[in-house]
């Protein structure tokens, strides 16, 4: 599913227009991005947690030259699914035989 499909389904589920659904989705993703730069964690009960994690500087290997390189420290956004979401996914995968 891509963003366009998500907007269509969101509009159907809420009974709103696709234009309204698009505005809502864009506002939601903007709020998550903006708040992760300030708060570093957003919890949505039953769904999951968005947070920022720091990665230390580390050694790596350039695959083209096989030369050892230093990968600089960085921060990256991550999502950890909540138990309710995990259960829903597991239940649906059981139905599909996965």
PDB file of N, CA and C in Angstrom:
ATOM      1  N   UNK A   1       0.847  -1.171   0.000  1.00  0.00           N
ATOM      2  CA  UNK A   1       0.000   0.000   0.000  1.00  0.00           C
ATOM      3  C   UNK A   1       0.891   1.232   0.000  1.00  0.00           C
ATOM      4  N   UNK A   2       0.539   2.198  -0.810  1.00  0.00           N
ATOM      5  CA  UNK A   2       1.282   3.444  -0.823  1.00  0.00           C
ATOM      6  C   UNK A   2       0.412   4.558  -0.226  1.00  0.00           C
ATOM      7  N   UNK A   3       0.947   5.775  -0.226  1.00  0.00           N
ATOM      8  CA  UNK A   3       0.261   6.909   0.394  1.00  0.00           C
ATOM      9  C   UNK A   3      -1.119   7.141  -0.236  1.00  0.00           C
ATOM     10  N   UNK A   4      -1.209   7.047  -1.553  1.00  0.00           N
ATOM     11  CA  UNK A   4      -2.483   7.283  -2.243  1.00  0.00           C
ATOM     12  C   UNK A   4      -3.528   6.258  -1.806  1.00  0.00           C
ATOM     13  N   UNK A   5      -3.137   4.984  -1.737  1.00  0.00           N
ATOM     14  CA  UNK A   5      -4.059   3.928  -1.295  1.00  0.00           C
ATOM     15  C   UNK A   5      -4.512   4.168   0.142  1.00  0.00           C
ATOM     16  N   UNK A   6      -3.572   4.592   0.980  1.00  0.00           N
ATOM     17  CA  UNK A   6      -3.895   4.865   2.377  1.00  0.00           C
ATOM     18  C   UNK A   6      -4.904   6.003   2.488  1.00  0.00           C
ATOM     19  N   UNK A   7      -4.734   7.035   1.675  1.00  0.00           N
ATOM     20  CA  UNK A   7      -5.669   8.167   1.682  1.00  0.00           C
ATOM     21  C   UNK A   7      -7.057   7.705   1.262  1.00  0.00           C
ATOM     22  N   UNK A   8      -7.153   6.891   0.222  1.00  0.00           N
ATOM     23  CA  UNK A   8      -8.443   6.383  -0.251  1.00  0.00           C
ATOM     24  C   UNK A   8      -9.128   5.583   0.851  1.00  0.00           C
ATOM     25  N   UNK A   9      -8.391   4.687   1.486  1.00  0.00           N
ATOM     26  CA  UNK A   9      -8.982   3.862   2.539  1.00  0.00           C
ATOM     27  C   UNK A   9      -9.354   4.678   3.770  1.00  0.00           C
ATOM     28  N   UNK A  10      -8.531   5.664   4.114  1.00  0.00           N
ATOM     29  CA  UNK A  10      -8.826   6.539   5.243  1.00  0.00           C
ATOM     30  C   UNK A  10     -10.106   7.333   4.992  1.00  0.00           C
ATOM     31  N   UNK A  11     -10.277   7.822   3.773  1.00  0.00           N
ATOM     32  CA  UNK A  11     -11.487   8.567   3.416  1.00  0.00           C
ATOM     33  C   UNK A  11     -12.722   7.679   3.530  1.00  0.00           C
ATOM     34  N   UNK A  12     -12.620   6.436   3.026  1.00  0.00           N
ATOM     35  CA  UNK A  12     -13.753   5.503   3.114  1.00  0.00           C
ATOM     36  C   UNK A  12     -14.090   5.185   4.566  1.00  0.00           C
ATOM     37  N   UNK A  13     -13.066   4.914   5.367  1.00  0.00           N
ATOM     38  CA  UNK A  13     -13.270   4.502   6.757  1.00  0.00           C
ATOM     39  C   UNK A  13     -13.888   5.619   7.597  1.00  0.00           C
ATOM     40  N   UNK A  14     -13.530   6.874   7.291  1.00  0.00           N
ATOM     41  CA  UNK A  14     -14.027   7.994   8.084  1.00  0.00           C
ATOM     42  C   UNK A  14     -15.239   8.676   7.454  1.00  0.00           C
ATOM     43  N   UNK A  15     -15.573   8.290   6.227  1.00  0.00           N
ATOM     44  CA  UNK A  15     -16.696   8.923   5.547  1.00  0.00           C
ATOM     45  C   UNK A  15     -16.389  10.346   5.119  1.00  0.00           C
ATOM     46  N   UNK A  16     -15.120  10.654   4.960  1.00  0.00           N
ATOM     47  CA  UNK A  16     -14.728  12.006   4.544  1.00  0.00           C
ATOM     48  C   UNK A  16     -14.263  11.984   3.092  1.00  0.00           C
ATOM     49  N   UNK A  17     -13.896  13.150   2.610  1.00  0.00           N
ATOM     50  CA  UNK A  17     -13.384  13.236   1.245  1.00  0.00           C
ATOM     51  C   UNK A  17     -11.910  12.824   1.232  1.00  0.00           C
ATOM     52  N   UNK A  18     -11.424  12.500   0.042  1.00  0.00           N
ATOM     53  CA  UNK A  18     -10.011  12.165  -0.081  1.00  0.00           C
ATOM     54  C   UNK A  18      -9.150  13.385   0.221  1.00  0.00           C
ATOM     55  N   UNK A  19      -9.635  14.553  -0.104  1.00  0.00           N
ATOM     56  CA  UNK A  19      -8.907  15.780   0.188  1.00  0.00           C
ATOM     57  C   UNK A  19      -8.728  15.961   1.699  1.00  0.00           C
ATOM     58  N   UNK A  20      -9.804  15.732   2.450  1.00  0.00           N
ATOM     59  CA  UNK A  20      -9.728  15.839   3.910  1.00  0.00           C
ATOM     60  C   UNK A  20      -8.824  14.760   4.487  1.00  0.00           C
ATOM     61  N   UNK A  21      -8.933  13.559   3.962  1.00  0.00           N
ATOM     62  CA  UNK A  21      -8.099  12.452   4.439  1.00  0.00           C
ATOM     63  C   UNK A  21      -6.624  12.744   4.175  1.00  0.00           C
ATOM     64  N   UNK A  22      -6.328  13.324   3.007  1.00  0.00           N
ATOM     65  CA  UNK A  22      -4.945  13.664   2.676  1.00  0.00           C
ATOM     66  C   UNK A  22      -4.411  14.717   3.640  1.00  0.00           C
ATOM     67  N   UNK A  23      -5.226  15.740   3.938  1.00  0.00           N
ATOM     68  CA  UNK A  23      -4.810  16.771   4.892  1.00  0.00           C
ATOM     69  C   UNK A  23      -4.558  16.174   6.266  1.00  0.00           C
ATOM     70  N   UNK A  24      -5.434  15.276   6.698  1.00  0.00           N
ATOM     71  CA  UNK A  24      -5.266  14.633   7.996  1.00  0.00           C
ATOM     72  C   UNK A  24      -3.983  13.810   8.035  1.00  0.00           C
ATOM     73  N   UNK A  25      -3.764  12.986   7.023  1.00  0.00           N
ATOM     74  CA  UNK A  25      -2.578  12.131   6.982  1.00  0.00           C
ATOM     75  C   UNK A  25      -1.303  12.962   6.970  1.00  0.00           C
ATOM     76  N   UNK A  26      -1.278  14.012   6.164  1.00  0.00           N
ATOM     77  CA  UNK A  26      -0.094  14.870   6.103  1.00  0.00           C
ATOM     78  C   UNK A  26       0.131  15.599   7.423  1.00  0.00           C
ATOM     79  N   UNK A  27      -0.947  16.037   8.076  1.00  0.00           N
ATOM     80  CA  UNK A  27      -0.811  16.694   9.378  1.00  0.00           C
ATOM     81  C   UNK A  27      -0.283  15.703  10.415  1.00  0.00           C
ATOM     82  N   UNK A  28      -0.786  14.479  10.377  1.00  0.00           N
ATOM     83  CA  UNK A  28      -0.359  13.438  11.317  1.00  0.00           C
ATOM     84  C   UNK A  28       1.136  13.131  11.151  1.00  0.00           C
ATOM     85  N   UNK A  29       1.567  12.917   9.920  1.00  0.00           N
ATOM     86  CA  UNK A  29       2.977  12.592   9.700  1.00  0.00           C
ATOM     87  C   UNK A  29       3.878  13.788  10.013  1.00  0.00           C
ATOM     88  N   UNK A  30       3.408  15.003   9.714  1.00  0.00           N
ATOM     89  CA  UNK A  30       4.182  16.203  10.060  1.00  0.00           C
ATOM     90  C   UNK A  30       4.326  16.337  11.571  1.00  0.00           C
ATOM     91  N   UNK A  31       3.250  16.082  12.311  1.00  0.00           N
ATOM     92  CA  UNK A  31       3.306  16.164  13.776  1.00  0.00           C
ATOM     93  C   UNK A  31       4.280  15.146  14.356  1.00  0.00           C
ATOM     94  N   UNK A  32       4.269  13.947  13.820  1.00  0.00           N
ATOM     95  CA  UNK A  32       5.210  12.931  14.304  1.00  0.00           C
ATOM     96  C   UNK A  32       6.638  13.384  14.040  1.00  0.00           C
ATOM     97  N   UNK A  33       6.929  13.802  12.827  1.00  0.00           N
ATOM     98  CA  UNK A  33       8.284  14.245  12.479  1.00  0.00           C
ATOM     99  C   UNK A  33       8.705  15.438  13.334  1.00  0.00           C
ATOM    100  N   UNK A  34       7.837  16.430  13.460  1.00  0.00           N
ATOM    101  CA  UNK A  34       8.174  17.618  14.237  1.00  0.00           C
ATOM    102  C   UNK A  34       8.414  17.291  15.703  1.00  0.00           C
ATOM    103  N   UNK A  35       7.558  16.460  16.281  1.00  0.00           N
ATOM    104  CA  UNK A  35       7.693  16.138  17.696  1.00  0.00           C
ATOM    105  C   UNK A  35       8.867  15.218  17.993  1.00  0.00           C
ATOM    106  N   UNK A  36       9.249  14.390  17.046  1.00  0.00           N
ATOM    107  CA  UNK A  36      10.420  13.540  17.272  1.00  0.00           C
ATOM    108  C   UNK A  36      11.694  14.370  17.367  1.00  0.00           C
ATOM    109  N   UNK A  37      11.712  15.530  16.745  1.00  0.00           N
ATOM    110  CA  UNK A  37      12.896  16.386  16.840  1.00  0.00           C
ATOM    111  C   UNK A  37      12.966  17.086  18.186  1.00  0.00           C
ATOM    112  N   UNK A  38      11.846  17.130  18.922  1.00  0.00           N
ATOM    113  CA  UNK A  38      11.801  17.815  20.211  1.00  0.00           C
ATOM    114  C   UNK A  38      11.697  16.828  21.376  1.00  0.00           C
ATOM    115  N   UNK A  39      10.710  15.934  21.315  1.00  0.00           N
ATOM    116  CA  UNK A  39      10.408  15.055  22.448  1.00  0.00           C
ATOM    117  C   UNK A  39      11.122  13.707  22.397  1.00  0.00           C
ATOM    118  N   UNK A  40      11.523  13.275  21.232  1.00  0.00           N
ATOM    119  CA  UNK A  40      12.195  11.998  21.007  1.00  0.00           C
ATOM    120  C   UNK A  40      11.324  10.771  21.221  1.00  0.00           C
ATOM    121  N   UNK A  41      10.046  10.935  21.625  1.00  0.00           N
ATOM    122  CA  UNK A  41       9.194   9.760  21.792  1.00  0.00           C
ATOM    123  C   UNK A  41       7.722  10.142  21.684  1.00  0.00           C
ATOM    124  N   UNK A  42       6.970   9.354  20.921  1.00  0.00           N
ATOM    125  CA  UNK A  42       5.522   9.538  20.804  1.00  0.00           C
ATOM    126  C   UNK A  42       4.886   8.168  21.020  1.00  0.00           C
ATOM    127  N   UNK A  43       4.032   8.054  22.019  1.00  0.00           N
ATOM    128  CA  UNK A  43       3.361   6.786  22.318  1.00  0.00           C
ATOM    129  C   UNK A  43       1.898   6.870  21.914  1.00  0.00           C
ATOM    130  N   UNK A  44       1.445   5.870  21.159  1.00  0.00           N
ATOM    131  CA  UNK A  44       0.031   5.742  20.820  1.00  0.00           C
ATOM    132  C   UNK A  44      -0.402   4.407  21.416  1.00  0.00           C
ATOM    133  N   UNK A  45      -1.161   4.474  22.506  1.00  0.00           N
ATOM    134  CA  UNK A  45      -1.528   3.276  23.259  1.00  0.00           C
ATOM    135  C   UNK A  45      -2.157   2.228  22.345  1.00  0.00           C
ATOM    136  N   UNK A  46      -1.668   0.995  22.443  1.00  0.00           N
ATOM    137  CA  UNK A  46      -2.192  -0.110  21.657  1.00  0.00           C
ATOM    138  C   UNK A  46      -1.634  -0.197  20.255  1.00  0.00           C
ATOM    139  N   UNK A  47      -1.070   0.889  19.760  1.00  0.00           N
ATOM    140  CA  UNK A  47      -0.535   0.896  18.398  1.00  0.00           C
ATOM    141  C   UNK A  47       0.977   0.765  18.395  1.00  0.00           C
ATOM    142  N   UNK A  48       1.645   1.685  19.085  1.00  0.00           N
ATOM    143  CA  UNK A  48       3.094   1.596  19.143  1.00  0.00           C
ATOM    144  C   UNK A  48       3.743   2.899  19.547  1.00  0.00           C
ATOM    145  N   UNK A  49       5.072   2.892  19.477  1.00  0.00           N
ATOM    146  CA  UNK A  49       5.870   4.034  19.898  1.00  0.00           C
ATOM    147  C   UNK A  49       6.834   4.441  18.794  1.00  0.00           C
ATOM    148  N   UNK A  50       6.822   5.716  18.479  1.00  0.00           N
ATOM    149  CA  UNK A  50       7.806   6.300  17.581  1.00  0.00           C
ATOM    150  C   UNK A  50       8.850   6.945  18.484  1.00  0.00           C
ATOM    151  N   UNK A  51      10.126   6.716  18.202  1.00  0.00           N
ATOM    152  CA  UNK A  51      11.158   7.342  19.012  1.00  0.00           C
ATOM    153  C   UNK A  51      12.422   7.559  18.195  1.00  0.00           C
ATOM    154  N   UNK A  52      13.330   8.312  18.773  1.00  0.00           N
ATOM    155  CA  UNK A  52      14.612   8.581  18.148  1.00  0.00           C
ATOM    156  C   UNK A  52      15.668   7.812  18.937  1.00  0.00           C
ATOM    157  N   UNK A  53      16.523   7.098  18.229  1.00  0.00           N
ATOM    158  CA  UNK A  53      17.612   6.364  18.881  1.00  0.00           C
ATOM    159  C   UNK A  53      18.946   6.859  18.336  1.00  0.00           C
ATOM    160  N   UNK A  54      19.894   6.963  19.249  1.00  0.00           N
ATOM    161  CA  UNK A  54      21.244   7.368  18.873  1.00  0.00           C
ATOM    162  C   UNK A  54      22.051   6.135  18.484  1.00  0.00           C
ATOM    163  N   UNK A  55      22.855   6.262  17.458  1.00  0.00           N
ATOM    164  CA  UNK A  55      23.762   5.195  17.030  1.00  0.00           C
ATOM    165  C   UNK A  55      25.180   5.712  17.210  1.00  0.00           C
ATOM    166  N   UNK A  56      26.002   4.923  17.848  1.00  0.00           N
ATOM    167  CA  UNK A  56      27.389   5.316  18.093  1.00  0.00           C
ATOM    168  C   UNK A  56      28.211   5.247  16.816  1.00  0.00           C
ATOM    169  N   UNK A  57      29.343   5.920  16.859  1.00  0.00           N
ATOM    170  CA  UNK A  57      30.297   5.794  15.767  1.00  0.00           C
ATOM    171  C   UNK A  57      30.776   4.341  15.748  1.00  0.00           C
ATOM    172  N   UNK A  58      30.982   3.789  14.551  1.00  0.00           N
ATOM    173  CA  UNK A  58      31.401   2.391  14.464  1.00  0.00           C
ATOM    174  C   UNK A  58      32.228   2.154  13.217  1.00  0.00           C
ATOM    175  N   UNK A  59      32.902   1.022  13.210  1.00  0.00           N
ATOM    176  CA  UNK A  59      33.710   0.655  12.050  1.00  0.00           C
ATOM    177  C   UNK A  59      32.834  -0.087  11.048  1.00  0.00           C
ATOM    178  N   UNK A  60      33.132   0.114   9.794  1.00  0.00           N
ATOM    179  CA  UNK A  60      32.427  -0.575   8.726  1.00  0.00           C
ATOM    180  C   UNK A  60      33.394  -0.873   7.598  1.00  0.00           C
ATOM    181  N   UNK A  61      32.896  -1.510   6.566  1.00  0.00           N
ATOM    182  CA  UNK A  61      33.726  -1.834   5.414  1.00  0.00           C
ATOM    183  C   UNK A  61      33.051  -1.303   4.159  1.00  0.00           C
ATOM    184  N   UNK A  62      33.789  -0.563   3.356  1.00  0.00           N
ATOM    185  CA  UNK A  62      33.295  -0.071   2.082  1.00  0.00           C
ATOM    186  C   UNK A  62      33.192  -1.281   1.152  1.00  0.00           C
ATOM    187  N   UNK A  63      31.984  -1.652   0.723  1.00  0.00           N
ATOM    188  CA  UNK A  63      31.834  -2.864  -0.090  1.00  0.00           C
ATOM    189  C   UNK A  63      32.528  -2.784  -1.444  1.00  0.00           C
ATOM    190  N   UNK A  64      32.735  -1.588  -1.965  1.00  0.00           N
ATOM    191  CA  UNK A  64      33.374  -1.451  -3.275  1.00  0.00           C
ATOM    192  C   UNK A  64      34.885  -1.656  -3.194  1.00  0.00           C
ATOM    193  N   UNK A  65      35.492  -1.108  -2.127  1.00  0.00           N
ATOM    194  CA  UNK A  65      36.956  -1.165  -2.033  1.00  0.00           C
ATOM    195  C   UNK A  65      37.456  -2.129  -0.969  1.00  0.00           C
ATOM    196  N   UNK A  66      36.539  -2.633  -0.136  1.00  0.00           N
ATOM    197  CA  UNK A  66      36.864  -3.505   1.010  1.00  0.00           C
ATOM    198  C   UNK A  66      37.714  -2.776   2.047  1.00  0.00           C
ATOM    199  N   UNK A  67      37.777  -1.460   1.946  1.00  0.00           N
ATOM    200  CA  UNK A  67      38.550  -0.647   2.881  1.00  0.00           C
ATOM    201  C   UNK A  67      37.735  -0.405   4.144  1.00  0.00           C
ATOM    202  N   UNK A  68      38.396  -0.460   5.298  1.00  0.00           N
ATOM    203  CA  UNK A  68      37.728  -0.186   6.559  1.00  0.00           C
ATOM    204  C   UNK A  68      37.461   1.312   6.656  1.00  0.00           C
ATOM    205  N   UNK A  69      36.242   1.655   7.082  1.00  0.00           N
ATOM    206  CA  UNK A  69      35.863   3.060   7.217  1.00  0.00           C
ATOM    207  C   UNK A  69      35.239   3.273   8.585  1.00  0.00           C
ATOM    208  N   UNK A  70      35.165   4.500   8.995  1.00  0.00           N
ATOM    209  CA  UNK A  70      34.477   4.857  10.230  1.00  0.00           C
ATOM    210  C   UNK A  70      33.116   5.440   9.845  1.00  0.00           C
ATOM    211  N   UNK A  71      32.059   4.831  10.363  1.00  0.00           N
ATOM    212  CA  UNK A  71      30.702   5.325  10.128  1.00  0.00           C
ATOM    213  C   UNK A  71      30.386   6.280  11.272  1.00  0.00           C
ATOM    214  N   UNK A  72      30.068   7.525  10.982  1.00  0.00           N
ATOM    215  CA  UNK A  72      29.859   8.510  12.050  1.00  0.00           C
ATOM    216  C   UNK A  72      28.627   8.214  12.894  1.00  0.00           C
ATOM    217  N   UNK A  73      28.622   8.743  14.108  1.00  0.00           N
ATOM    218  CA  UNK A  73      27.468   8.634  14.993  1.00  0.00           C
ATOM    219  C   UNK A  73      26.278   9.321  14.342  1.00  0.00           C
ATOM    220  N   UNK A  74      25.086   8.839  14.633  1.00  0.00           N
ATOM    221  CA  UNK A  74      23.887   9.439  14.049  1.00  0.00           C
ATOM    222  C   UNK A  74      22.685   9.171  14.940  1.00  0.00           C
ATOM    223  N   UNK A  75      21.595   9.821  14.629  1.00  0.00           N
ATOM    224  CA  UNK A  75      20.316   9.534  15.274  1.00  0.00           C
ATOM    225  C   UNK A  75      19.350   9.105  14.176  1.00  0.00           C
ATOM    226  N   UNK A  76      18.438   8.197  14.527  1.00  0.00           N
ATOM    227  CA  UNK A  76      17.507   7.689  13.526  1.00  0.00           C
ATOM    228  C   UNK A  76      16.138   7.449  14.159  1.00  0.00           C
ATOM    229  N   UNK A  77      15.058   7.713  13.421  1.00  0.00           N
ATOM    230  CA  UNK A  77      13.729   7.420  13.956  1.00  0.00           C
ATOM    231  C   UNK A  77      13.439   5.926  13.850  1.00  0.00           C
ATOM    232  N   UNK A  78      12.753   5.382  14.863  1.00  0.00           N
ATOM    233  CA  UNK A  78      12.364   3.975  14.857  1.00  0.00           C
ATOM    234  C   UNK A  78      10.921   3.859  15.332  1.00  0.00           C
ATOM    235  N   UNK A  79      10.286   2.757  14.967  1.00  0.00           N
ATOM    236  CA  UNK A  79       8.924   2.471  15.405  1.00  0.00           C
ATOM    237  C   UNK A  79       8.913   1.112  16.077  1.00  0.00           C
ATOM    238  N   UNK A  80       8.321   1.048  17.263  1.00  0.00           N
ATOM    239  CA  UNK A  80       8.182  -0.219  17.967  1.00  0.00           C
ATOM    240  C   UNK A  80       6.680  -0.488  18.107  1.00  0.00           C
ATOM    241  N   UNK A  81       6.225  -1.589  17.524  1.00  0.00           N
ATOM    242  CA  UNK A  81       4.799  -1.923  17.545  1.00  0.00           C
ATOM    243  C   UNK A  81       4.345  -2.245  18.960  1.00  0.00           C
ATOM    244  N   UNK A  82       3.133  -1.811  19.295  1.00  0.00           N
ATOM    245  CA  UNK A  82       2.533  -2.129  20.580  1.00  0.00           C
ATOM    246  C   UNK A  82       1.941  -3.534  20.568  1.00  0.00           C
ATOM    247  N   UNK A  83       1.614  -4.046  21.745  1.00  0.00           N
ATOM    248  CA  UNK A  83       1.133  -5.418  21.860  1.00  0.00           C
ATOM    249  C   UNK A  83      -0.180  -5.648  21.123  1.00  0.00           C
ATOM    250  N   UNK A  84      -1.088  -4.687  21.154  1.00  0.00           N
ATOM    251  CA  UNK A  84      -2.364  -4.843  20.452  1.00  0.00           C
ATOM    252  C   UNK A  84      -2.119  -4.992  18.947  1.00  0.00           C
ATOM    253  N   UNK A  85      -1.273  -4.154  18.389  1.00  0.00           N
ATOM    254  CA  UNK A  85      -0.946  -4.237  16.959  1.00  0.00           C
ATOM    255  C   UNK A  85      -0.263  -5.565  16.644  1.00  0.00           C
ATOM    256  N   UNK A  86       0.665  -5.979  17.485  1.00  0.00           N
ATOM    257  CA  UNK A  86       1.350  -7.272  17.280  1.00  0.00           C
ATOM    258  C   UNK A  86       0.341  -8.419  17.264  1.00  0.00           C
ATOM    259  N   UNK A  87      -0.624  -8.382  18.180  1.00  0.00           N
ATOM    260  CA  UNK A  87      -1.633  -9.439  18.246  1.00  0.00           C
ATOM    261  C   UNK A  87      -2.514  -9.466  17.005  1.00  0.00           C
ATOM    262  N   UNK A  88      -2.907  -8.292  16.518  1.00  0.00           N
ATOM    263  CA  UNK A  88      -3.743  -8.207  15.312  1.00  0.00           C
ATOM    264  C   UNK A  88      -3.004  -8.786  14.115  1.00  0.00           C
ATOM    265  N   UNK A  89      -1.732  -8.411  13.954  1.00  0.00           N
ATOM    266  CA  UNK A  89      -0.935  -8.908  12.831  1.00  0.00           C
ATOM    267  C   UNK A  89      -0.745 -10.417  12.945  1.00  0.00           C
ATOM    268  N   UNK A  90      -0.443 -10.905  14.149  1.00  0.00           N
ATOM    269  CA  UNK A  90      -0.234 -12.336  14.348  1.00  0.00           C
ATOM    270  C   UNK A  90      -1.515 -13.119  14.062  1.00  0.00           C
ATOM    271  N   UNK A  91      -2.648 -12.595  14.507  1.00  0.00           N
ATOM    272  CA  UNK A  91      -3.931 -13.262  14.291  1.00  0.00           C
ATOM    273  C   UNK A  91      -4.257 -13.347  12.805  1.00  0.00           C
ATOM    274  N   UNK A  92      -4.031 -12.249  12.073  1.00  0.00           N
ATOM    275  CA  UNK A  92      -4.317 -12.250  10.641  1.00  0.00           C
ATOM    276  C   UNK A  92      -3.352 -13.138   9.871  1.00  0.00           C
ATOM    277  N   UNK A  93      -2.100 -13.204  10.306  1.00  0.00           N
ATOM    278  CA  UNK A  93      -1.141 -14.105   9.653  1.00  0.00           C
ATOM    279  C   UNK A  93      -1.517 -15.557   9.897  1.00  0.00           C
ATOM    280  N   UNK A  94      -2.055 -15.871  11.076  1.00  0.00           N
ATOM    281  CA  UNK A  94      -2.509 -17.238  11.346  1.00  0.00           C
ATOM    282  C   UNK A  94      -3.635 -17.620  10.414  1.00  0.00           C
ATOM    283  N   UNK A  95      -4.541 -16.677  10.147  1.00  0.00           N
ATOM    284  CA  UNK A  95      -5.659 -16.949   9.235  1.00  0.00           C
ATOM    285  C   UNK A  95      -5.182 -17.194   7.817  1.00  0.00           C
ATOM    286  N   UNK A  96      -4.088 -16.507   7.439  1.00  0.00           N
ATOM    287  CA  UNK A  96      -3.559 -16.654   6.090  1.00  0.00           C
ATOM    288  C   UNK A  96      -2.621 -17.838   5.958  1.00  0.00           C
ATOM    289  N   UNK A  97      -2.309 -18.491   7.075  1.00  0.00           N
ATOM    290  CA  UNK A  97      -1.423 -19.650   7.039  1.00  0.00           C
ATOM    291  C   UNK A  97       0.035 -19.294   6.925  1.00  0.00           C
ATOM    292  N   UNK A  98       0.403 -18.101   7.363  1.00  0.00           N
ATOM    293  CA  UNK A  98       1.817 -17.672   7.291  1.00  0.00           C
ATOM    294  C   UNK A  98       2.535 -18.063   8.558  1.00  0.00           C
TER     295      UNK A  98
END
